[in-house]
């Protein structure tokens, strides 16, 4: 298999995307990779990330590649988990307290921070809109995050997320209430649930 075929396989495996680092990991020089990018008319999706002309731009996936430490949260997680059908205007994500968010904010992302011991509560692997695996919070954590940040989120969006969650067959109310206690939103969440049920 020649080097172009190796890179074609990488593009196929990554659903239309290839990173410069993928090429270098496979002993392909940057010069040769640049030739490949030109030859295949690849489009630059972000620094060091390219995609084929017929690939749909998946901003959530590209964000995950650029910032592997982030976890998608709030409205973005709600959208990924189908708790809302409203695609978020801006991508929301969470970082550990103390991590720098300057580059993320400059890129137009909404950044929330949480202390280290709560950072991975509810972490799961979800699918981005074009089917790539990404890090997100589960439904119970997402409901708690949305209640915690209610001053920044439209009331209709909060109600939609809660109503949709409560209608799901796989909802886990004991887990939701356990998380709500952890994030100190149990009494507020209880009030919302009372109104909606």
C-alpha atoms as a PDB file:
ATOM      1  CA  UNK A   1       0.000   0.000   0.000  1.00  0.00           C
ATOM      2  CA  UNK A   2       1.503   3.362  -1.005  1.00  0.00           C
ATOM      3  CA  UNK A   3       1.374   6.479   1.192  1.00  0.00           C
ATOM      4  CA  UNK A   4      -1.610   8.001  -0.653  1.00  0.00           C
ATOM      5  CA  UNK A   5      -3.569   4.772  -0.108  1.00  0.00           C
ATOM      6  CA  UNK A   6      -2.676   4.846   3.604  1.00  0.00           C
ATOM      7  CA  UNK A   7      -4.022   8.407   3.836  1.00  0.00           C
ATOM      8  CA  UNK A   8      -7.135   7.496   1.806  1.00  0.00           C
ATOM      9  CA  UNK A   9      -7.817   4.750   4.364  1.00  0.00           C
ATOM     10  CA  UNK A  10      -7.366   7.250   7.233  1.00  0.00           C
ATOM     11  CA  UNK A  11      -9.836   9.652   5.583  1.00  0.00           C
ATOM     12  CA  UNK A  12     -12.313   6.809   5.103  1.00  0.00           C
ATOM     13  CA  UNK A  13     -11.903   5.622   8.713  1.00  0.00           C
ATOM     14  CA  UNK A  14     -12.393   9.187  10.042  1.00  0.00           C
ATOM     15  CA  UNK A  15     -15.538   9.776   7.953  1.00  0.00           C
ATOM     16  CA  UNK A  16     -13.974  12.323   5.609  1.00  0.00           C
ATOM     17  CA  UNK A  17     -11.434  13.917   7.976  1.00  0.00           C
ATOM     18  CA  UNK A  18      -7.654  13.635   8.323  1.00  0.00           C
ATOM     19  CA  UNK A  19      -5.236  15.315  10.720  1.00  0.00           C
ATOM     20  CA  UNK A  20      -1.623  16.207  10.010  1.00  0.00           C
ATOM     21  CA  UNK A  21      -0.761  14.213  13.152  1.00  0.00           C
ATOM     22  CA  UNK A  22      -2.448  11.083  11.639  1.00  0.00           C
ATOM     23  CA  UNK A  23      -0.040  11.315   8.724  1.00  0.00           C
ATOM     24  CA  UNK A  24       3.066  11.827  10.876  1.00  0.00           C
ATOM     25  CA  UNK A  25       2.047   8.893  13.139  1.00  0.00           C
ATOM     26  CA  UNK A  26       2.061   6.770   9.972  1.00  0.00           C
ATOM     27  CA  UNK A  27       5.600   7.915   9.020  1.00  0.00           C
ATOM     28  CA  UNK A  28       4.351  10.276   6.306  1.00  0.00           C
ATOM     29  CA  UNK A  29       6.282  13.520   6.061  1.00  0.00           C
ATOM     30  CA  UNK A  30       4.546  16.891   6.233  1.00  0.00           C
ATOM     31  CA  UNK A  31       5.756  17.623   2.671  1.00  0.00           C
ATOM     32  CA  UNK A  32       4.157  14.440   1.380  1.00  0.00           C
ATOM     33  CA  UNK A  33       1.010  15.193   3.393  1.00  0.00           C
ATOM     34  CA  UNK A  34       0.826  18.690   1.811  1.00  0.00           C
ATOM     35  CA  UNK A  35       1.018  17.071  -1.636  1.00  0.00           C
ATOM     36  CA  UNK A  36      -1.810  14.728  -0.648  1.00  0.00           C
ATOM     37  CA  UNK A  37      -3.963  17.650   0.550  1.00  0.00           C
ATOM     38  CA  UNK A  38      -3.446  19.432  -2.817  1.00  0.00           C
ATOM     39  CA  UNK A  39      -3.915  16.289  -4.916  1.00  0.00           C
ATOM     40  CA  UNK A  40      -7.180  15.316  -3.173  1.00  0.00           C
ATOM     41  CA  UNK A  41      -8.489  18.940  -2.998  1.00  0.00           C
ATOM     42  CA  UNK A  42      -8.938  18.695   0.763  1.00  0.00           C
ATOM     43  CA  UNK A  43     -10.427  21.641   2.638  1.00  0.00           C
ATOM     44  CA  UNK A  44      -8.836  23.007   5.816  1.00  0.00           C
ATOM     45  CA  UNK A  45     -11.384  22.556   8.628  1.00  0.00           C
ATOM     46  CA  UNK A  46      -9.062  23.952  11.339  1.00  0.00           C
ATOM     47  CA  UNK A  47      -5.348  24.096  12.101  1.00  0.00           C
ATOM     48  CA  UNK A  48      -3.937  20.647  11.199  1.00  0.00           C
ATOM     49  CA  UNK A  49      -7.372  19.210  10.309  1.00  0.00           C
ATOM     50  CA  UNK A  50      -8.561  18.651   6.733  1.00  0.00           C
ATOM     51  CA  UNK A  51     -11.712  17.248   5.190  1.00  0.00           C
ATOM     52  CA  UNK A  52     -12.862  16.079   1.778  1.00  0.00           C
ATOM     53  CA  UNK A  53     -14.996  18.379  -0.370  1.00  0.00           C
ATOM     54  CA  UNK A  54     -18.081  16.181   0.066  1.00  0.00           C
ATOM     55  CA  UNK A  55     -17.789  15.919   3.865  1.00  0.00           C
ATOM     56  CA  UNK A  56     -20.270  17.835   5.987  1.00  0.00           C
ATOM     57  CA  UNK A  57     -18.521  20.346   8.303  1.00  0.00           C
ATOM     58  CA  UNK A  58     -18.950  18.910  11.820  1.00  0.00           C
ATOM     59  CA  UNK A  59     -17.957  21.773  14.156  1.00  0.00           C
ATOM     60  CA  UNK A  60     -18.537  19.700  17.294  1.00  0.00           C
ATOM     61  CA  UNK A  61     -16.164  16.964  16.088  1.00  0.00           C
ATOM     62  CA  UNK A  62     -13.545  19.506  14.961  1.00  0.00           C
ATOM     63  CA  UNK A  63     -13.766  21.180  18.404  1.00  0.00           C
ATOM     64  CA  UNK A  64     -13.206  17.784  20.071  1.00  0.00           C
ATOM     65  CA  UNK A  65     -10.105  17.156  17.905  1.00  0.00           C
ATOM     66  CA  UNK A  66      -8.683  20.611  18.640  1.00  0.00           C
ATOM     67  CA  UNK A  67      -9.440  20.495  22.375  1.00  0.00           C
ATOM     68  CA  UNK A  68      -9.504  16.809  23.467  1.00  0.00           C
ATOM     69  CA  UNK A  69      -9.895  17.724  27.169  1.00  0.00           C
ATOM     70  CA  UNK A  70     -13.333  19.362  26.758  1.00  0.00           C
ATOM     71  CA  UNK A  71     -16.691  17.744  27.516  1.00  0.00           C
ATOM     72  CA  UNK A  72     -19.737  18.974  25.581  1.00  0.00           C
ATOM     73  CA  UNK A  73     -22.415  20.202  27.965  1.00  0.00           C
ATOM     74  CA  UNK A  74     -25.531  22.325  28.487  1.00  0.00           C
ATOM     75  CA  UNK A  75     -27.449  23.125  25.247  1.00  0.00           C
ATOM     76  CA  UNK A  76     -24.933  21.240  23.078  1.00  0.00           C
ATOM     77  CA  UNK A  77     -25.249  18.048  25.155  1.00  0.00           C
ATOM     78  CA  UNK A  78     -29.048  18.469  25.169  1.00  0.00           C
ATOM     79  CA  UNK A  79     -28.991  18.641  21.362  1.00  0.00           C
ATOM     80  CA  UNK A  80     -26.637  15.626  21.029  1.00  0.00           C
ATOM     81  CA  UNK A  81     -28.840  13.572  23.391  1.00  0.00           C
ATOM     82  CA  UNK A  82     -32.025  14.653  21.561  1.00  0.00           C
ATOM     83  CA  UNK A  83     -33.433  16.419  24.631  1.00  0.00           C
ATOM     84  CA  UNK A  84     -34.067  19.336  22.277  1.00  0.00           C
ATOM     85  CA  UNK A  85     -34.296  19.580  18.499  1.00  0.00           C
ATOM     86  CA  UNK A  86     -32.939  23.109  18.536  1.00  0.00           C
ATOM     87  CA  UNK A  87     -29.375  23.184  17.241  1.00  0.00           C
ATOM     88  CA  UNK A  88     -27.357  25.453  19.531  1.00  0.00           C
ATOM     89  CA  UNK A  89     -26.240  28.771  18.076  1.00  0.00           C
ATOM     90  CA  UNK A  90     -22.885  28.362  19.873  1.00  0.00           C
ATOM     91  CA  UNK A  91     -21.181  25.212  21.133  1.00  0.00           C
ATOM     92  CA  UNK A  92     -21.225  24.827  24.942  1.00  0.00           C
ATOM     93  CA  UNK A  93     -18.588  22.822  26.760  1.00  0.00           C
ATOM     94  CA  UNK A  94     -17.119  22.324  30.197  1.00  0.00           C
ATOM     95  CA  UNK A  95     -13.543  22.466  31.465  1.00  0.00           C
ATOM     96  CA  UNK A  96     -12.006  21.844  34.875  1.00  0.00           C
ATOM     97  CA  UNK A  97     -11.602  24.960  37.034  1.00  0.00           C
ATOM     98  CA  UNK A  98      -8.077  26.295  36.559  1.00  0.00           C
ATOM     99  CA  UNK A  99      -7.747  25.282  32.897  1.00  0.00           C
ATOM    100  CA  UNK A 100      -7.266  28.139  30.461  1.00  0.00           C
ATOM    101  CA  UNK A 101     -10.282  28.942  28.316  1.00  0.00           C
ATOM    102  CA  UNK A 102      -8.969  32.031  26.487  1.00  0.00           C
ATOM    103  CA  UNK A 103      -8.493  30.289  23.108  1.00  0.00           C
ATOM    104  CA  UNK A 104     -11.869  28.555  23.392  1.00  0.00           C
ATOM    105  CA  UNK A 105     -13.730  31.781  24.181  1.00  0.00           C
ATOM    106  CA  UNK A 106     -11.888  33.579  21.330  1.00  0.00           C
ATOM    107  CA  UNK A 107     -13.085  30.785  19.013  1.00  0.00           C
ATOM    108  CA  UNK A 108     -16.682  31.720  19.906  1.00  0.00           C
ATOM    109  CA  UNK A 109     -17.378  28.777  22.228  1.00  0.00           C
ATOM    110  CA  UNK A 110     -19.363  28.999  25.479  1.00  0.00           C
ATOM    111  CA  UNK A 111     -17.162  27.703  28.291  1.00  0.00           C
ATOM    112  CA  UNK A 112     -18.373  26.545  31.700  1.00  0.00           C
ATOM    113  CA  UNK A 113     -15.993  25.509  34.469  1.00  0.00           C
ATOM    114  CA  UNK A 114     -16.454  23.011  37.276  1.00  0.00           C
ATOM    115  CA  UNK A 115     -14.241  21.775  40.101  1.00  0.00           C
ATOM    116  CA  UNK A 116     -12.179  18.688  39.353  1.00  0.00           C
ATOM    117  CA  UNK A 117     -14.175  16.229  41.522  1.00  0.00           C
ATOM    118  CA  UNK A 118     -17.399  17.007  39.587  1.00  0.00           C
ATOM    119  CA  UNK A 119     -15.815  17.287  36.130  1.00  0.00           C
ATOM    120  CA  UNK A 120     -16.312  13.658  35.016  1.00  0.00           C
ATOM    121  CA  UNK A 121     -19.686  13.039  36.717  1.00  0.00           C
ATOM    122  CA  UNK A 122     -21.996  11.804  33.954  1.00  0.00           C
ATOM    123  CA  UNK A 123     -19.278  11.643  31.269  1.00  0.00           C
ATOM    124  CA  UNK A 124     -20.225   9.444  28.319  1.00  0.00           C
ATOM    125  CA  UNK A 125     -19.394   8.959  24.655  1.00  0.00           C
ATOM    126  CA  UNK A 126     -22.023  10.385  22.314  1.00  0.00           C
ATOM    127  CA  UNK A 127     -22.238  10.819  18.546  1.00  0.00           C
ATOM    128  CA  UNK A 128     -21.711  14.145  16.824  1.00  0.00           C
ATOM    129  CA  UNK A 129     -24.245  15.165  14.117  1.00  0.00           C
ATOM    130  CA  UNK A 130     -22.174  13.371  11.465  1.00  0.00           C
ATOM    131  CA  UNK A 131     -21.588  10.255  13.566  1.00  0.00           C
ATOM    132  CA  UNK A 132     -18.176  10.870  15.146  1.00  0.00           C
ATOM    133  CA  UNK A 133     -17.566   9.744  18.723  1.00  0.00           C
ATOM    134  CA  UNK A 134     -17.274  12.680  21.113  1.00  0.00           C
ATOM    135  CA  UNK A 135     -17.211  13.317  24.873  1.00  0.00           C
ATOM    136  CA  UNK A 136     -20.489  14.568  26.319  1.00  0.00           C
ATOM    137  CA  UNK A 137     -22.397  14.522  29.585  1.00  0.00           C
ATOM    138  CA  UNK A 138     -25.337  12.126  29.970  1.00  0.00           C
ATOM    139  CA  UNK A 139     -28.967  13.243  30.161  1.00  0.00           C
ATOM    140  CA  UNK A 140     -29.121  13.462  33.972  1.00  0.00           C
ATOM    141  CA  UNK A 141     -25.977  15.605  34.189  1.00  0.00           C
ATOM    142  CA  UNK A 142     -27.221  17.771  31.295  1.00  0.00           C
ATOM    143  CA  UNK A 143     -30.541  18.453  33.072  1.00  0.00           C
ATOM    144  CA  UNK A 144     -28.622  19.472  36.233  1.00  0.00           C
ATOM    145  CA  UNK A 145     -26.226  21.698  34.239  1.00  0.00           C
ATOM    146  CA  UNK A 146     -29.128  23.450  32.530  1.00  0.00           C
ATOM    147  CA  UNK A 147     -30.862  24.065  35.876  1.00  0.00           C
ATOM    148  CA  UNK A 148     -27.555  25.340  37.404  1.00  0.00           C
ATOM    149  CA  UNK A 149     -27.092  27.789  34.514  1.00  0.00           C
ATOM    150  CA  UNK A 150     -30.783  28.747  34.260  1.00  0.00           C
ATOM    151  CA  UNK A 151     -30.014  32.490  34.385  1.00  0.00           C
ATOM    152  CA  UNK A 152     -28.161  32.140  31.034  1.00  0.00           C
ATOM    153  CA  UNK A 153     -30.622  29.807  29.304  1.00  0.00           C
ATOM    154  CA  UNK A 154     -34.080  30.634  27.896  1.00  0.00           C
ATOM    155  CA  UNK A 155     -36.951  29.356  30.045  1.00  0.00           C
ATOM    156  CA  UNK A 156     -38.555  27.609  27.022  1.00  0.00           C
ATOM    157  CA  UNK A 157     -35.320  25.680  26.443  1.00  0.00           C
ATOM    158  CA  UNK A 158     -35.186  24.581  30.103  1.00  0.00           C
ATOM    159  CA  UNK A 159     -38.808  23.407  29.923  1.00  0.00           C
ATOM    160  CA  UNK A 160     -38.242  21.567  26.614  1.00  0.00           C
ATOM    161  CA  UNK A 161     -35.204  19.713  27.988  1.00  0.00           C
ATOM    162  CA  UNK A 162     -36.998  18.754  31.219  1.00  0.00           C
ATOM    163  CA  UNK A 163     -40.239  17.683  29.489  1.00  0.00           C
ATOM    164  CA  UNK A 164     -38.336  15.607  26.927  1.00  0.00           C
ATOM    165  CA  UNK A 165     -36.213  13.986  29.639  1.00  0.00           C
ATOM    166  CA  UNK A 166     -39.275  13.118  31.759  1.00  0.00           C
ATOM    167  CA  UNK A 167     -40.971  11.504  28.709  1.00  0.00           C
ATOM    168  CA  UNK A 168     -37.991   9.242  27.945  1.00  0.00           C
ATOM    169  CA  UNK A 169     -38.384   5.527  28.653  1.00  0.00           C
ATOM    170  CA  UNK A 170     -34.754   5.257  29.785  1.00  0.00           C
ATOM    171  CA  UNK A 171     -34.893   8.199  32.231  1.00  0.00           C
ATOM    172  CA  UNK A 172     -33.318   7.516  35.602  1.00  0.00           C
ATOM    173  CA  UNK A 173     -34.974   9.723  38.240  1.00  0.00           C
ATOM    174  CA  UNK A 174     -32.941   8.313  41.191  1.00  0.00           C
ATOM    175  CA  UNK A 175     -29.708   9.116  39.307  1.00  0.00           C
ATOM    176  CA  UNK A 176     -31.070  12.556  38.344  1.00  0.00           C
ATOM    177  CA  UNK A 177     -31.866  13.359  41.984  1.00  0.00           C
ATOM    178  CA  UNK A 178     -28.447  12.028  43.125  1.00  0.00           C
ATOM    179  CA  UNK A 179     -26.733  14.342  40.607  1.00  0.00           C
ATOM    180  CA  UNK A 180     -29.048  17.222  41.595  1.00  0.00           C
ATOM    181  CA  UNK A 181     -27.843  16.886  45.214  1.00  0.00           C
ATOM    182  CA  UNK A 182     -24.196  16.788  44.079  1.00  0.00           C
ATOM    183  CA  UNK A 183     -24.688  20.017  42.093  1.00  0.00           C
ATOM    184  CA  UNK A 184     -26.915  21.659  44.768  1.00  0.00           C
ATOM    185  CA  UNK A 185     -29.943  22.037  42.490  1.00  0.00           C
ATOM    186  CA  UNK A 186     -32.184  19.372  44.079  1.00  0.00           C
ATOM    187  CA  UNK A 187     -34.777  21.775  45.539  1.00  0.00           C
ATOM    188  CA  UNK A 188     -35.003  23.875  42.327  1.00  0.00           C
ATOM    189  CA  UNK A 189     -35.208  20.740  40.171  1.00  0.00           C
ATOM    190  CA  UNK A 190     -37.935  19.385  42.465  1.00  0.00           C
ATOM    191  CA  UNK A 191     -39.981  22.562  41.901  1.00  0.00           C
ATOM    192  CA  UNK A 192     -39.599  22.298  38.107  1.00  0.00           C
ATOM    193  CA  UNK A 193     -40.603  18.612  38.129  1.00  0.00           C
ATOM    194  CA  UNK A 194     -43.646  19.359  40.323  1.00  0.00           C
ATOM    195  CA  UNK A 195     -44.871  21.947  37.824  1.00  0.00           C
ATOM    196  CA  UNK A 196     -44.227  19.735  34.785  1.00  0.00           C
ATOM    197  CA  UNK A 197     -45.615  16.417  36.088  1.00  0.00           C
END
